[in-house]
């Protein structure tokens, strides 16, 4: 089992990331991919990847941070973010560029970053992924149509095979079908185990998962966020990716072992593991 997206590089794991990693690797998890959301967290993801053979990194600027790329952020200057990110992206343990994309949801801690600026930073990182020949890890919240529009306009920069994945997919069936047509994998997280619809969404994650072909599914935790049932309300960890796979297996009427084998194969093909 491969957790293709988590954040052991965030402060929630500052005191015990070693124990968290050991718990995951002692279960059914064979590889963990830490994803950056800023220069600082991307650097931490790379550092962690070099401490464990089974850890890998994805580096990038989250759309929430698109307005902080020319300022002091998380204790460091970001005015040369493109050059710094390009240097990080060439590391042997970096397997993708992300999480990048668009986000139109208003959070208490972070309002909606100006949409044009989000798109500029998104496109710059698509160009970077093309330069270093690595797949994209897409963040989309309430912006699916615009994300698809950007990807279609820059289709010539996408890898012909395995262009990337949509992290924690949510949105309409049309966005799903467009993402699949572009060749993207679809990532599902612990929130697929939650009842009802996500805020401001119109299609359930279970319905989306049922309409996603098995050969396009990957599993993730987004730790420390989106903890699956029955641990919801506690800090999420990579070891819980098995719970996501179990839920998806029931939706697709296959065994958990089969879902494990399929999603592991998908992840290895996508990220070259």
Protein backbone atom coordinates (compact mmCIF):
# COMPACT_ATOMS: atom_id res chain seq x y z
CA UNK A 1 0.00 0.00 0.00
CA UNK A 2 1.32 3.44 -0.93
CA UNK A 3 0.15 6.66 0.69
CA UNK A 4 0.63 9.01 -2.25
CA UNK A 5 -0.07 12.24 -0.35
CA UNK A 6 0.56 13.18 3.26
CA UNK A 7 2.18 15.98 5.25
CA UNK A 8 4.58 14.53 7.80
CA UNK A 9 6.55 17.68 7.00
CA UNK A 10 4.02 19.84 8.91
CA UNK A 11 4.28 20.89 12.57
CA UNK A 12 1.63 18.35 13.65
CA UNK A 13 4.35 15.69 13.42
CA UNK A 14 7.32 17.65 14.76
CA UNK A 15 7.68 15.55 17.92
CA UNK A 16 6.97 12.02 16.67
CA UNK A 17 7.27 11.67 12.90
CA UNK A 18 9.71 8.78 13.36
CA UNK A 19 7.16 6.81 15.38
CA UNK A 20 4.41 7.66 12.88
CA UNK A 21 6.55 6.43 10.00
CA UNK A 22 7.48 3.26 11.88
CA UNK A 23 3.81 2.52 12.59
CA UNK A 24 2.97 2.88 8.92
CA UNK A 25 5.87 0.78 7.67
CA UNK A 26 5.10 -1.89 10.27
CA UNK A 27 1.60 -2.23 8.85
CA UNK A 28 0.76 -2.65 5.17
CA UNK A 29 2.32 0.62 3.96
CA UNK A 30 5.32 0.12 1.69
CA UNK A 31 5.96 3.73 0.63
CA UNK A 32 4.97 7.23 1.74
CA UNK A 33 5.01 10.40 -0.34
CA UNK A 34 5.23 13.69 1.55
CA UNK A 35 3.86 16.69 -0.29
CA UNK A 36 5.00 20.28 0.02
CA UNK A 37 2.69 23.29 0.21
CA UNK A 38 5.42 25.96 0.32
CA UNK A 39 9.17 26.21 -0.13
CA UNK A 40 9.78 25.49 3.56
CA UNK A 41 7.53 22.42 3.72
CA UNK A 42 8.85 21.20 0.37
CA UNK A 43 12.40 21.35 1.71
CA UNK A 44 11.30 19.43 4.80
CA UNK A 45 9.65 16.79 2.60
CA UNK A 46 12.93 16.29 0.73
CA UNK A 47 14.88 16.07 3.99
CA UNK A 48 12.53 13.39 5.32
CA UNK A 49 12.74 11.47 2.05
CA UNK A 50 16.50 11.16 2.46
CA UNK A 51 16.12 9.79 5.99
CA UNK A 52 14.04 6.78 4.93
CA UNK A 53 14.34 4.58 1.85
CA UNK A 54 10.54 4.23 1.73
CA UNK A 55 9.83 7.98 1.79
CA UNK A 56 9.58 10.23 -1.25
CA UNK A 57 8.78 13.91 -1.77
CA UNK A 58 6.60 16.09 -3.96
CA UNK A 59 7.47 19.79 -4.01
CA UNK A 60 5.35 22.81 -4.85
CA UNK A 61 3.40 25.90 -3.84
CA UNK A 62 -0.21 25.39 -2.69
CA UNK A 63 -2.75 27.87 -4.15
CA UNK A 64 -3.29 29.26 -0.62
CA UNK A 65 0.32 30.36 -0.67
CA UNK A 66 0.35 31.84 -4.16
CA UNK A 67 0.21 35.33 -2.64
CA UNK A 68 3.26 34.64 -0.45
CA UNK A 69 5.75 33.74 -3.17
CA UNK A 70 7.41 37.18 -3.07
CA UNK A 71 7.49 37.66 0.70
CA UNK A 72 8.98 36.26 3.90
CA UNK A 73 6.91 33.15 4.63
CA UNK A 74 7.45 30.38 7.19
CA UNK A 75 10.71 32.00 8.22
CA UNK A 76 12.36 32.34 4.84
CA UNK A 77 12.42 34.57 1.81
CA UNK A 78 10.38 33.39 -1.15
CA UNK A 79 11.20 36.00 -3.79
CA UNK A 80 13.29 33.51 -5.78
CA UNK A 81 10.74 30.75 -5.36
CA UNK A 82 10.84 29.54 -8.97
CA UNK A 83 14.59 29.05 -8.93
CA UNK A 84 14.53 27.45 -5.48
CA UNK A 85 11.70 25.12 -6.44
CA UNK A 86 13.48 24.13 -9.63
CA UNK A 87 16.55 23.16 -7.60
CA UNK A 88 14.44 21.07 -5.21
CA UNK A 89 12.56 19.43 -8.08
CA UNK A 90 15.75 17.93 -9.48
CA UNK A 91 16.44 15.92 -6.32
CA UNK A 92 16.44 12.18 -6.99
CA UNK A 93 13.81 11.52 -4.31
CA UNK A 94 11.37 14.12 -5.64
CA UNK A 95 8.74 12.27 -7.67
CA UNK A 96 6.35 15.06 -8.62
CA UNK A 97 5.34 18.72 -8.51
CA UNK A 98 2.54 19.61 -6.09
CA UNK A 99 0.33 20.23 -4.51
CA UNK A 100 -0.57 22.84 -7.07
CA UNK A 101 -3.81 24.09 -8.54
CA UNK A 102 -6.71 26.36 -7.66
CA UNK A 103 -8.80 26.78 -4.51
CA UNK A 104 -11.93 28.97 -4.32
CA UNK A 105 -13.01 27.92 -0.81
CA UNK A 106 -12.87 30.57 1.89
CA UNK A 107 -11.22 29.30 5.08
CA UNK A 108 -11.09 31.12 8.42
CA UNK A 109 -7.30 30.97 8.41
CA UNK A 110 -6.87 31.95 4.77
CA UNK A 111 -9.25 33.83 2.51
CA UNK A 112 -9.45 33.17 -1.20
CA UNK A 113 -6.19 34.19 -2.85
CA UNK A 114 -6.75 36.38 -5.92
CA UNK A 115 -7.71 33.98 -8.70
CA UNK A 116 -5.44 35.42 -11.39
CA UNK A 117 -2.45 35.10 -9.07
CA UNK A 118 -3.40 31.50 -8.23
CA UNK A 119 -3.50 30.70 -11.94
CA UNK A 120 -0.14 32.34 -12.63
CA UNK A 121 1.55 30.29 -9.92
CA UNK A 122 -0.26 27.14 -11.09
CA UNK A 123 0.89 27.58 -14.69
CA UNK A 124 4.47 28.35 -13.64
CA UNK A 125 4.59 25.01 -11.83
CA UNK A 126 3.07 23.13 -14.77
CA UNK A 127 5.95 24.57 -16.78
CA UNK A 128 8.41 23.43 -14.11
CA UNK A 129 6.99 19.90 -14.15
CA UNK A 130 7.44 19.86 -17.92
CA UNK A 131 11.05 21.01 -17.57
CA UNK A 132 11.98 18.32 -15.03
CA UNK A 133 9.66 15.68 -16.56
CA UNK A 134 7.75 14.88 -13.40
CA UNK A 135 4.00 14.35 -12.86
CA UNK A 136 1.64 16.87 -11.31
CA UNK A 137 -0.24 16.52 -8.05
CA UNK A 138 -3.32 18.71 -8.44
CA UNK A 139 -5.19 20.51 -5.66
CA UNK A 140 -8.72 21.53 -6.60
CA UNK A 141 -11.38 22.87 -4.29
CA UNK A 142 -14.52 24.37 -5.80
CA UNK A 143 -12.49 25.26 -8.88
CA UNK A 144 -12.74 22.13 -11.00
CA UNK A 145 -13.85 23.72 -14.26
CA UNK A 146 -11.07 26.32 -14.11
CA UNK A 147 -8.45 23.69 -13.20
CA UNK A 148 -9.51 21.61 -16.21
CA UNK A 149 -9.43 24.72 -18.43
CA UNK A 150 -5.84 25.50 -17.38
CA UNK A 151 -4.76 21.90 -17.98
CA UNK A 152 -6.40 21.78 -21.41
CA UNK A 153 -4.82 25.09 -22.44
CA UNK A 154 -1.45 23.71 -21.39
CA UNK A 155 -1.94 20.17 -22.58
CA UNK A 156 1.26 20.44 -24.63
CA UNK A 157 3.19 20.71 -21.33
CA UNK A 158 1.64 17.59 -19.79
CA UNK A 159 3.40 14.26 -19.92
CA UNK A 160 1.87 12.05 -22.58
CA UNK A 161 1.72 9.12 -20.18
CA UNK A 162 1.07 9.54 -16.46
CA UNK A 163 0.62 13.34 -16.46
CA UNK A 164 -0.28 13.30 -12.78
CA UNK A 165 -3.09 12.89 -10.28
CA UNK A 166 -5.90 14.89 -8.73
CA UNK A 167 -5.30 14.90 -4.99
CA UNK A 168 -8.36 14.36 -2.75
CA UNK A 169 -10.72 14.53 -5.70
CA UNK A 170 -14.05 16.31 -5.33
CA UNK A 171 -16.24 17.99 -7.92
CA UNK A 172 -18.69 17.20 -10.69
CA UNK A 173 -18.86 14.13 -12.88
CA UNK A 174 -17.91 16.34 -15.83
CA UNK A 175 -14.69 17.39 -14.08
CA UNK A 176 -13.98 13.73 -13.27
CA UNK A 177 -14.46 12.67 -16.88
CA UNK A 178 -12.29 15.52 -18.14
CA UNK A 179 -9.53 14.61 -15.68
CA UNK A 180 -9.68 10.98 -16.78
CA UNK A 181 -9.68 11.97 -20.46
CA UNK A 182 -6.49 13.95 -19.82
CA UNK A 183 -4.93 10.80 -18.37
CA UNK A 184 -4.88 11.78 -14.71
CA UNK A 185 -5.09 9.40 -11.77
CA UNK A 186 -7.72 10.14 -9.12
CA UNK A 187 -6.78 10.22 -5.44
CA UNK A 188 -9.17 9.38 -2.60
CA UNK A 189 -8.68 10.13 1.09
CA UNK A 190 -10.28 9.42 4.45
CA UNK A 191 -13.13 11.85 3.81
CA UNK A 192 -14.63 9.29 1.46
CA UNK A 193 -15.75 7.49 4.65
CA UNK A 194 -17.73 10.54 5.85
CA UNK A 195 -21.52 10.60 5.41
CA UNK A 196 -23.22 13.20 3.25
CA UNK A 197 -21.74 15.78 0.89
CA UNK A 198 -18.63 17.86 1.45
CA UNK A 199 -19.32 21.59 1.94
CA UNK A 200 -20.59 23.20 -1.30
CA UNK A 201 -20.19 19.97 -3.29
CA UNK A 202 -23.06 18.42 -5.25
CA UNK A 203 -21.79 14.87 -5.87
CA UNK A 204 -20.85 12.39 -3.16
CA UNK A 205 -17.32 11.06 -3.04
CA UNK A 206 -18.68 7.53 -3.07
CA UNK A 207 -20.46 8.17 -6.38
CA UNK A 208 -17.31 9.70 -7.81
CA UNK A 209 -15.27 6.70 -6.69
CA UNK A 210 -17.75 4.24 -8.22
CA UNK A 211 -17.39 6.01 -11.57
CA UNK A 212 -13.58 6.03 -11.44
CA UNK A 213 -11.97 3.03 -13.20
CA UNK A 214 -9.80 0.92 -10.94
CA UNK A 215 -6.74 1.52 -13.10
CA UNK A 216 -7.00 5.25 -12.36
CA UNK A 217 -7.35 5.12 -8.56
CA UNK A 218 -4.65 5.91 -6.01
CA UNK A 219 -5.03 6.12 -2.23
CA UNK A 220 -3.81 8.79 0.16
CA UNK A 221 -4.35 10.15 3.65
CA UNK A 222 -3.56 13.88 3.54
CA UNK A 223 -2.26 13.35 7.08
CA UNK A 224 -2.69 15.02 9.53
CA UNK A 225 -6.03 15.97 7.93
CA UNK A 226 -9.14 14.03 6.79
CA UNK A 227 -8.85 11.17 9.25
CA UNK A 228 -11.08 8.27 8.17
CA UNK A 229 -13.84 6.71 10.22
CA UNK A 230 -13.55 5.24 12.88
CA UNK A 231 -10.67 7.55 13.89
CA UNK A 232 -12.29 10.77 12.68
CA UNK A 233 -11.56 13.64 15.05
CA UNK A 234 -8.03 12.42 15.79
CA UNK A 235 -4.81 13.20 13.95
CA UNK A 236 -4.54 11.29 10.70
CA UNK A 237 -1.51 9.08 9.94
CA UNK A 238 -0.24 7.22 6.85
CA UNK A 239 -1.08 3.86 8.46
CA UNK A 240 -4.78 4.71 7.99
CA UNK A 241 -4.47 4.61 4.20
CA UNK A 242 -5.55 0.96 4.50
CA UNK A 243 -8.96 2.18 5.71
CA UNK A 244 -9.36 4.23 2.54
CA UNK A 245 -8.47 1.20 0.44
CA UNK A 246 -10.93 -0.98 2.36
CA UNK A 247 -13.76 1.49 1.73
CA UNK A 248 -12.94 1.75 -1.96
CA UNK A 249 -12.77 -2.03 -2.23
CA UNK A 250 -16.34 -2.29 -0.92
CA UNK A 251 -17.54 0.33 -3.40
CA UNK A 252 -15.97 -1.58 -6.30
CA UNK A 253 -16.89 -5.02 -4.97
CA UNK A 254 -13.31 -6.29 -4.91
CA UNK A 255 -11.16 -7.57 -2.08
CA UNK A 256 -8.93 -5.25 -0.08
CA UNK A 257 -5.92 -7.21 -1.29
CA UNK A 258 -6.95 -6.60 -4.88
CA UNK A 259 -7.47 -2.88 -4.23
CA UNK A 260 -4.05 -2.78 -2.55
CA UNK A 261 -2.39 -4.44 -5.55
CA UNK A 262 -4.15 -2.20 -8.09
CA UNK A 263 -3.54 1.11 -6.34
CA UNK A 264 0.08 0.19 -5.57
CA UNK A 265 0.68 -0.61 -9.24
CA UNK A 266 -1.00 2.66 -10.25
CA UNK A 267 1.14 4.67 -7.85
CA UNK A 268 4.37 3.01 -8.93
CA UNK A 269 3.61 3.64 -12.59
CA UNK A 270 2.64 7.25 -11.95
CA UNK A 271 5.62 8.21 -9.81
CA UNK A 272 8.21 5.80 -11.15
CA UNK A 273 8.74 4.10 -7.77
